[in-house]
Amino acid sequence: MKHTNLVPVLAAAVIFLFGCDAHRSDDPEAGDEAVFYSQNGADILAAISSESHDRMIKLSVAKDYLGLGEMESAKKVFLVKPGTTCQVIDPGAFNSEVRITNGPYFGKSLFVAPEQLRRK
């Protein structure tokens, strides 16, 4: 069985995910101080681990608000206010680990979508 039809699809996916336009000048790097950002000013969901972040995204896409509520009750996800400051520990393509430096979650390490962070 030939898989030659997959090559263009895989190439397009790689270009889409890692395209040269994907990096913004205000994308924070490891060690940078950053702020949580929301285009519409809404609170931002952040998770306690990469695995919890993945699960949170799946539940969000499925519009499983009960599941998200269970994660919040179990303290696996938190609602963080836009403008909350943090230090970037490990920036990533799908989630970034940060340490909160002000507000009610001061000192907590959380994982957040990288597009919801801006260099301070």
N, C-alpha and C. Protein backbone atom coordinates (compact mmCIF):
# COMPACT_ATOMS: atom_id res chain seq x y z
N MET A 1 0.84 -1.17 0.00
CA MET A 1 0.00 0.00 0.00
C MET A 1 0.90 1.25 0.00
N LYS A 2 0.60 2.18 -0.89
CA LYS A 2 1.38 3.41 -0.99
C LYS A 2 0.81 4.49 -0.10
N HIS A 3 1.71 5.29 0.48
CA HIS A 3 1.30 6.40 1.36
C HIS A 3 1.75 7.73 0.78
N THR A 4 1.94 7.79 -0.52
CA THR A 4 2.44 9.02 -1.14
C THR A 4 1.46 10.17 -0.99
N ASN A 5 0.16 9.91 -0.86
CA ASN A 5 -0.82 10.99 -0.69
C ASN A 5 -0.71 11.65 0.68
N LEU A 6 -0.11 10.96 1.64
CA LEU A 6 0.03 11.52 2.98
C LEU A 6 1.13 12.57 3.06
N VAL A 7 2.13 12.49 2.21
CA VAL A 7 3.27 13.40 2.29
C VAL A 7 2.85 14.85 2.18
N PRO A 8 2.05 15.25 1.16
CA PRO A 8 1.65 16.67 1.10
C PRO A 8 0.82 17.11 2.31
N VAL A 9 -0.02 16.21 2.82
CA VAL A 9 -0.85 16.55 3.97
C VAL A 9 0.03 16.75 5.21
N LEU A 10 0.97 15.85 5.44
CA LEU A 10 1.87 15.98 6.58
C LEU A 10 2.74 17.22 6.45
N ALA A 11 3.23 17.50 5.25
CA ALA A 11 4.06 18.69 5.03
C ALA A 11 3.26 19.95 5.33
N ALA A 12 2.01 20.00 4.88
CA ALA A 12 1.17 21.17 5.15
C ALA A 12 0.91 21.34 6.64
N ALA A 13 0.71 20.22 7.34
CA ALA A 13 0.48 20.29 8.79
C ALA A 13 1.70 20.83 9.51
N VAL A 14 2.89 20.37 9.13
CA VAL A 14 4.12 20.85 9.76
C VAL A 14 4.32 22.34 9.48
N ILE A 15 4.08 22.76 8.26
CA ILE A 15 4.23 24.18 7.91
C ILE A 15 3.23 25.01 8.71
N PHE A 16 1.99 24.51 8.84
CA PHE A 16 0.98 25.23 9.60
C PHE A 16 1.37 25.36 11.07
N LEU A 17 1.80 24.24 11.68
CA LEU A 17 2.12 24.24 13.11
C LEU A 17 3.40 25.00 13.43
N PHE A 18 4.37 24.94 12.56
CA PHE A 18 5.67 25.52 12.87
C PHE A 18 6.09 26.57 11.85
N GLY A 19 5.10 27.24 11.27
CA GLY A 19 5.37 28.25 10.27
C GLY A 19 6.17 29.42 10.82
N CYS A 20 6.85 30.12 9.93
CA CYS A 20 7.71 31.22 10.37
C CYS A 20 6.90 32.39 10.93
N ASP A 21 5.61 32.48 10.64
CA ASP A 21 4.78 33.56 11.18
C ASP A 21 4.21 33.23 12.55
N ALA A 22 4.47 32.02 13.05
CA ALA A 22 3.85 31.58 14.30
C ALA A 22 4.42 32.31 15.52
N HIS A 23 5.63 32.82 15.44
CA HIS A 23 6.26 33.47 16.60
C HIS A 23 6.02 34.97 16.55
N ARG A 24 5.36 35.50 17.58
CA ARG A 24 5.13 36.94 17.68
C ARG A 24 6.28 37.56 18.46
N SER A 25 6.49 38.84 18.26
CA SER A 25 7.58 39.52 18.96
C SER A 25 7.31 39.63 20.46
N ASP A 26 6.02 39.53 20.86
CA ASP A 26 5.71 39.62 22.29
C ASP A 26 5.52 38.25 22.94
N ASP A 27 5.90 37.17 22.22
CA ASP A 27 5.86 35.83 22.82
C ASP A 27 6.94 35.74 23.89
N PRO A 28 6.57 35.43 25.12
CA PRO A 28 7.57 35.33 26.18
C PRO A 28 8.42 34.07 26.04
N GLU A 29 9.65 34.19 26.51
CA GLU A 29 10.59 33.07 26.51
C GLU A 29 10.87 32.68 27.95
N ALA A 30 11.56 31.56 28.14
CA ALA A 30 11.89 31.09 29.49
C ALA A 30 12.61 32.19 30.26
N GLY A 31 12.15 32.44 31.48
CA GLY A 31 12.74 33.46 32.33
C GLY A 31 12.09 34.83 32.20
N ASP A 32 11.32 35.04 31.15
CA ASP A 32 10.66 36.34 30.95
C ASP A 32 9.52 36.54 31.95
N GLU A 33 9.29 37.79 32.30
CA GLU A 33 8.09 38.15 33.04
C GLU A 33 7.00 38.37 31.99
N ALA A 34 5.81 37.84 32.27
CA ALA A 34 4.71 37.93 31.32
C ALA A 34 3.42 38.26 32.06
N VAL A 35 2.39 38.55 31.29
CA VAL A 35 1.06 38.77 31.85
C VAL A 35 0.08 37.86 31.12
N PHE A 36 -0.95 37.43 31.87
CA PHE A 36 -2.04 36.68 31.25
C PHE A 36 -2.82 37.64 30.37
N TYR A 37 -3.20 37.20 29.18
CA TYR A 37 -3.86 38.06 28.20
C TYR A 37 -5.12 37.37 27.68
N SER A 38 -6.18 38.14 27.57
CA SER A 38 -7.42 37.68 26.98
C SER A 38 -7.94 38.77 26.06
N GLN A 39 -8.15 38.44 24.81
CA GLN A 39 -8.58 39.43 23.83
C GLN A 39 -9.90 40.10 24.23
N ASN A 40 -10.80 39.33 24.84
CA ASN A 40 -12.10 39.89 25.21
C ASN A 40 -12.20 40.23 26.70
N GLY A 41 -11.09 40.11 27.42
CA GLY A 41 -11.08 40.46 28.84
C GLY A 41 -11.62 39.39 29.77
N ALA A 42 -11.95 38.23 29.23
CA ALA A 42 -12.48 37.14 30.05
C ALA A 42 -11.36 36.48 30.86
N ASP A 43 -11.75 35.87 31.99
CA ASP A 43 -10.78 35.11 32.77
C ASP A 43 -10.21 33.97 31.93
N ILE A 44 -9.00 33.54 32.28
CA ILE A 44 -8.26 32.55 31.50
C ILE A 44 -8.16 31.26 32.31
N LEU A 45 -8.48 30.14 31.67
CA LEU A 45 -8.34 28.84 32.32
C LEU A 45 -6.87 28.41 32.27
N ALA A 46 -6.35 27.99 33.41
CA ALA A 46 -4.99 27.46 33.51
C ALA A 46 -5.05 26.19 34.34
N ALA A 47 -4.16 25.26 34.06
CA ALA A 47 -4.20 23.94 34.70
C ALA A 47 -2.94 23.67 35.51
N ILE A 48 -3.03 22.69 36.42
CA ILE A 48 -1.90 22.38 37.31
C ILE A 48 -0.84 21.51 36.67
N SER A 49 -1.14 20.90 35.52
CA SER A 49 -0.16 20.05 34.84
C SER A 49 -0.44 20.07 33.34
N SER A 50 0.53 19.62 32.58
CA SER A 50 0.36 19.53 31.14
C SER A 50 -0.79 18.57 30.80
N GLU A 51 -0.87 17.48 31.53
CA GLU A 51 -1.94 16.50 31.30
C GLU A 51 -3.31 17.11 31.61
N SER A 52 -3.40 17.85 32.72
CA SER A 52 -4.66 18.52 33.07
C SER A 52 -5.01 19.57 32.03
N HIS A 53 -4.00 20.25 31.49
CA HIS A 53 -4.24 21.24 30.45
C HIS A 53 -4.82 20.57 29.21
N ASP A 54 -4.25 19.44 28.81
CA ASP A 54 -4.77 18.71 27.65
C ASP A 54 -6.22 18.30 27.87
N ARG A 55 -6.52 17.79 29.06
CA ARG A 55 -7.89 17.38 29.40
C ARG A 55 -8.83 18.58 29.39
N MET A 56 -8.38 19.71 29.94
CA MET A 56 -9.16 20.93 29.97
C MET A 56 -9.53 21.38 28.55
N ILE A 57 -8.58 21.30 27.64
CA ILE A 57 -8.83 21.69 26.24
C ILE A 57 -9.87 20.76 25.62
N LYS A 58 -9.73 19.46 25.84
CA LYS A 58 -10.70 18.50 25.29
C LYS A 58 -12.10 18.78 25.82
N LEU A 59 -12.22 19.03 27.11
CA LEU A 59 -13.53 19.33 27.70
C LEU A 59 -14.09 20.65 27.15
N SER A 60 -13.23 21.64 26.97
CA SER A 60 -13.67 22.93 26.42
C SER A 60 -14.19 22.78 25.00
N VAL A 61 -13.47 22.03 24.18
CA VAL A 61 -13.89 21.81 22.79
C VAL A 61 -15.23 21.08 22.76
N ALA A 62 -15.40 20.12 23.68
CA ALA A 62 -16.65 19.35 23.75
C ALA A 62 -17.77 20.11 24.44
N LYS A 63 -17.47 21.31 24.94
CA LYS A 63 -18.44 22.13 25.70
C LYS A 63 -18.98 21.36 26.90
N ASP A 64 -18.08 20.59 27.53
CA ASP A 64 -18.43 19.81 28.73
C ASP A 64 -18.17 20.68 29.96
N TYR A 65 -19.10 21.58 30.24
CA TYR A 65 -18.93 22.51 31.34
C TYR A 65 -19.02 21.82 32.70
N LEU A 66 -19.75 20.73 32.77
CA LEU A 66 -19.80 19.94 34.00
C LEU A 66 -18.42 19.34 34.29
N GLY A 67 -17.77 18.81 33.25
CA GLY A 67 -16.42 18.26 33.40
C GLY A 67 -15.42 19.32 33.82
N LEU A 68 -15.53 20.52 33.22
CA LEU A 68 -14.65 21.62 33.60
C LEU A 68 -14.91 22.03 35.05
N GLY A 69 -16.17 22.04 35.45
CA GLY A 69 -16.52 22.36 36.84
C GLY A 69 -15.94 21.34 37.81
N GLU A 70 -15.95 20.06 37.41
CA GLU A 70 -15.35 19.02 38.25
C GLU A 70 -13.85 19.24 38.39
N MET A 71 -13.20 19.63 37.29
CA MET A 71 -11.76 19.90 37.34
C MET A 71 -11.47 21.09 38.25
N GLU A 72 -12.33 22.11 38.19
CA GLU A 72 -12.15 23.29 39.05
C GLU A 72 -12.36 22.91 40.52
N SER A 73 -13.37 22.11 40.79
CA SER A 73 -13.63 21.67 42.18
C SER A 73 -12.48 20.85 42.72
N ALA A 74 -11.85 20.07 41.85
CA ALA A 74 -10.71 19.23 42.25
C ALA A 74 -9.41 20.03 42.27
N LYS A 75 -9.49 21.33 41.99
CA LYS A 75 -8.33 22.23 41.97
C LYS A 75 -7.28 21.79 40.94
N LYS A 76 -7.79 21.31 39.78
CA LYS A 76 -6.90 20.96 38.67
C LYS A 76 -6.86 22.06 37.62
N VAL A 77 -7.86 22.95 37.65
CA VAL A 77 -7.86 24.13 36.80
C VAL A 77 -8.27 25.34 37.63
N PHE A 78 -7.79 26.50 37.20
CA PHE A 78 -8.06 27.75 37.90
C PHE A 78 -8.43 28.82 36.88
N LEU A 79 -9.29 29.74 37.28
CA LEU A 79 -9.61 30.90 36.46
C LEU A 79 -8.69 32.04 36.89
N VAL A 80 -7.86 32.50 35.96
CA VAL A 80 -6.88 33.55 36.25
C VAL A 80 -7.32 34.83 35.55
N LYS A 81 -7.24 35.93 36.26
CA LYS A 81 -7.64 37.24 35.72
C LYS A 81 -6.61 37.73 34.70
N PRO A 82 -7.08 38.34 33.60
CA PRO A 82 -6.15 38.98 32.67
C PRO A 82 -5.32 40.03 33.40
N GLY A 83 -4.07 40.17 33.05
CA GLY A 83 -3.18 41.12 33.70
C GLY A 83 -2.40 40.52 34.85
N THR A 84 -2.77 39.30 35.28
CA THR A 84 -2.01 38.62 36.32
C THR A 84 -0.60 38.38 35.81
N THR A 85 0.40 38.69 36.63
CA THR A 85 1.79 38.54 36.19
C THR A 85 2.32 37.15 36.55
N CYS A 86 3.30 36.74 35.76
CA CYS A 86 3.90 35.42 35.96
C CYS A 86 5.31 35.42 35.39
N GLN A 87 6.08 34.42 35.79
CA GLN A 87 7.39 34.17 35.21
C GLN A 87 7.26 32.92 34.35
N VAL A 88 7.75 33.00 33.13
CA VAL A 88 7.66 31.86 32.22
C VAL A 88 8.75 30.86 32.59
N ILE A 89 8.33 29.64 32.87
CA ILE A 89 9.27 28.57 33.21
C ILE A 89 9.64 27.78 31.97
N ASP A 90 8.62 27.34 31.22
CA ASP A 90 8.86 26.51 30.04
C ASP A 90 7.85 26.85 28.96
N PRO A 91 8.24 27.71 28.01
CA PRO A 91 7.31 28.04 26.92
C PRO A 91 7.16 26.83 25.99
N GLY A 92 5.96 26.65 25.47
CA GLY A 92 5.73 25.52 24.58
C GLY A 92 4.80 25.89 23.45
N ALA A 93 4.69 24.99 22.48
CA ALA A 93 3.84 25.23 21.32
C ALA A 93 2.36 25.08 21.69
N PHE A 94 2.05 24.16 22.62
CA PHE A 94 0.65 23.88 22.96
C PHE A 94 0.28 24.34 24.36
N ASN A 95 1.23 24.37 25.28
CA ASN A 95 1.01 24.94 26.60
C ASN A 95 2.35 25.41 27.16
N SER A 96 2.28 26.41 28.01
CA SER A 96 3.48 26.97 28.63
C SER A 96 3.33 26.88 30.14
N GLU A 97 4.42 26.50 30.81
CA GLU A 97 4.41 26.47 32.27
C GLU A 97 4.87 27.82 32.79
N VAL A 98 4.10 28.35 33.74
CA VAL A 98 4.42 29.65 34.33
C VAL A 98 4.29 29.56 35.84
N ARG A 99 4.95 30.50 36.54
CA ARG A 99 4.77 30.65 37.98
C ARG A 99 4.11 32.00 38.22
N ILE A 100 2.97 32.00 38.89
CA ILE A 100 2.21 33.22 39.16
C ILE A 100 2.99 34.08 40.16
N THR A 101 3.11 35.40 39.86
CA THR A 101 3.90 36.29 40.71
C THR A 101 3.06 37.37 41.41
N ASN A 102 1.75 37.34 41.23
CA ASN A 102 0.88 38.23 42.00
C ASN A 102 -0.53 37.66 42.04
N GLY A 103 -1.35 38.23 42.89
CA GLY A 103 -2.74 37.81 42.96
C GLY A 103 -2.98 36.59 43.84
N PRO A 104 -4.19 36.07 43.79
CA PRO A 104 -4.59 35.00 44.71
C PRO A 104 -3.86 33.67 44.49
N TYR A 105 -3.25 33.49 43.34
CA TYR A 105 -2.53 32.23 43.07
C TYR A 105 -1.02 32.41 43.13
N PHE A 106 -0.57 33.45 43.83
CA PHE A 106 0.86 33.75 43.95
C PHE A 106 1.65 32.48 44.29
N GLY A 107 2.72 32.25 43.54
CA GLY A 107 3.62 31.13 43.78
C GLY A 107 3.22 29.83 43.11
N LYS A 108 2.00 29.75 42.60
CA LYS A 108 1.50 28.51 41.99
C LYS A 108 2.07 28.36 40.58
N SER A 109 2.48 27.13 40.25
CA SER A 109 2.91 26.79 38.90
C SER A 109 1.70 26.29 38.12
N LEU A 110 1.44 26.89 36.96
CA LEU A 110 0.28 26.54 36.14
C LEU A 110 0.68 26.41 34.67
N PHE A 111 -0.15 25.71 33.92
CA PHE A 111 0.04 25.55 32.48
C PHE A 111 -1.09 26.29 31.77
N VAL A 112 -0.71 27.05 30.75
CA VAL A 112 -1.66 27.90 30.04
C VAL A 112 -1.32 27.87 28.55
N ALA A 113 -2.33 28.12 27.71
CA ALA A 113 -2.09 28.21 26.27
C ALA A 113 -1.15 29.39 25.99
N PRO A 114 -0.13 29.18 25.17
CA PRO A 114 0.86 30.26 24.94
C PRO A 114 0.27 31.54 24.35
N GLU A 115 -0.82 31.43 23.60
CA GLU A 115 -1.43 32.63 23.03
C GLU A 115 -2.12 33.49 24.08
N GLN A 116 -2.21 32.99 25.30
CA GLN A 116 -2.81 33.75 26.39
C GLN A 116 -1.77 34.39 27.31
N LEU A 117 -0.54 34.48 26.80
CA LEU A 117 0.54 35.15 27.52
C LEU A 117 1.14 36.24 26.65
N ARG A 118 1.54 37.33 27.27
CA ARG A 118 2.24 38.40 26.58
C ARG A 118 3.44 38.80 27.43
N ARG A 119 4.56 39.06 26.77
CA ARG A 119 5.75 39.54 27.46
C ARG A 119 5.41 40.87 28.12
N LYS A 120 5.87 41.05 29.35
CA LYS A 120 5.56 42.28 30.08
C LYS A 120 6.52 43.38 29.68
